[in-house]
Amino acid sequence: MILVNNPGSWKTTYGPLKHASWHGWTFTDLVFPFFLWIVGVAMVLAFAKRVERGESRVVLLAACV
């Protein structure tokens, strides 16, 4: 983000580092945040079942890393 917001000279910026034009919010802008929320919910539910079965929280944390 430092390169995108402060490229030095705006005349010689590398194309892929330029900000995209703003066209407002669309439905597709919500897809990725919703996906991340669903992944978080699924992890909580899956880990809760594994903790109930007696698995160690340390082992579960190590599996995430």
Protein backbone atom coordinates (compact mmCIF):
# COMPACT_ATOMS: atom_id res chain seq x y z
CA MET A 1 0.00 0.00 0.00
CA ILE A 2 2.93 2.33 0.54
CA LEU A 3 3.86 2.02 -3.14
CA VAL A 4 0.26 2.47 -4.25
CA ASN A 5 -0.40 5.56 -2.17
CA ASN A 6 3.07 7.16 -2.46
CA PRO A 7 4.74 6.02 -5.68
CA GLY A 8 7.11 9.00 -5.85
CA SER A 9 6.34 10.38 -9.30
CA TRP A 10 2.76 9.89 -10.50
CA LYS A 11 3.99 10.16 -14.10
CA THR A 12 6.15 7.02 -13.91
CA THR A 13 4.05 4.64 -11.82
CA TYR A 14 3.88 0.97 -12.69
CA GLY A 15 0.38 0.21 -14.06
CA PRO A 16 -0.58 -2.65 -11.71
CA LEU A 17 0.27 -0.47 -8.69
CA LYS A 18 -2.29 2.21 -9.60
CA HIS A 19 -5.57 2.39 -7.73
CA ALA A 20 -8.59 1.05 -9.59
CA SER A 21 -11.26 3.54 -10.60
CA TRP A 22 -14.09 3.91 -8.12
CA HIS A 23 -17.43 2.69 -9.46
CA GLY A 24 -19.30 2.38 -6.18
CA TRP A 25 -20.31 -0.74 -4.31
CA THR A 26 -21.81 -3.73 -6.06
CA PHE A 27 -23.08 -7.08 -4.86
CA THR A 28 -19.83 -8.74 -5.91
CA ASP A 29 -17.93 -6.58 -3.39
CA LEU A 30 -19.66 -8.55 -0.62
CA VAL A 31 -18.78 -12.05 -1.85
CA PHE A 32 -15.26 -12.30 -0.39
CA PRO A 33 -16.13 -10.84 3.06
CA PHE A 34 -19.12 -13.18 3.25
CA PHE A 35 -16.88 -16.12 2.32
CA LEU A 36 -14.44 -15.21 5.09
CA TRP A 37 -17.30 -14.96 7.59
CA ILE A 38 -18.61 -18.41 6.59
CA VAL A 39 -15.11 -19.91 6.94
CA GLY A 40 -14.86 -18.44 10.44
CA VAL A 41 -18.24 -19.88 11.44
CA ALA A 42 -17.31 -23.28 10.02
CA MET A 43 -14.02 -23.31 11.94
CA VAL A 44 -15.74 -22.49 15.23
CA LEU A 45 -18.27 -25.28 14.74
CA ALA A 46 -15.67 -27.82 13.63
CA PHE A 47 -13.28 -27.01 16.47
CA ALA A 48 -16.08 -27.16 19.04
CA LYS A 49 -16.88 -30.73 17.99
CA ARG A 50 -13.21 -31.71 18.16
CA VAL A 51 -12.81 -30.19 21.64
CA GLU A 52 -15.91 -32.10 22.78
CA ARG A 53 -14.23 -35.31 21.55
CA GLY A 54 -11.33 -34.53 23.86
CA GLU A 55 -8.74 -33.16 21.46
CA SER A 56 -6.30 -30.66 22.90
CA ARG A 57 -6.73 -26.99 22.04
CA VAL A 58 -2.95 -26.79 21.55
CA VAL A 59 -3.07 -29.53 18.91
CA LEU A 60 -5.94 -27.75 17.15
CA LEU A 61 -4.05 -24.46 17.19
CA ALA A 62 -0.95 -26.15 15.77
CA ALA A 63 -3.09 -27.62 12.96
CA CYS A 64 -4.12 -24.08 11.93
CA VAL A 65 -0.57 -22.86 11.60
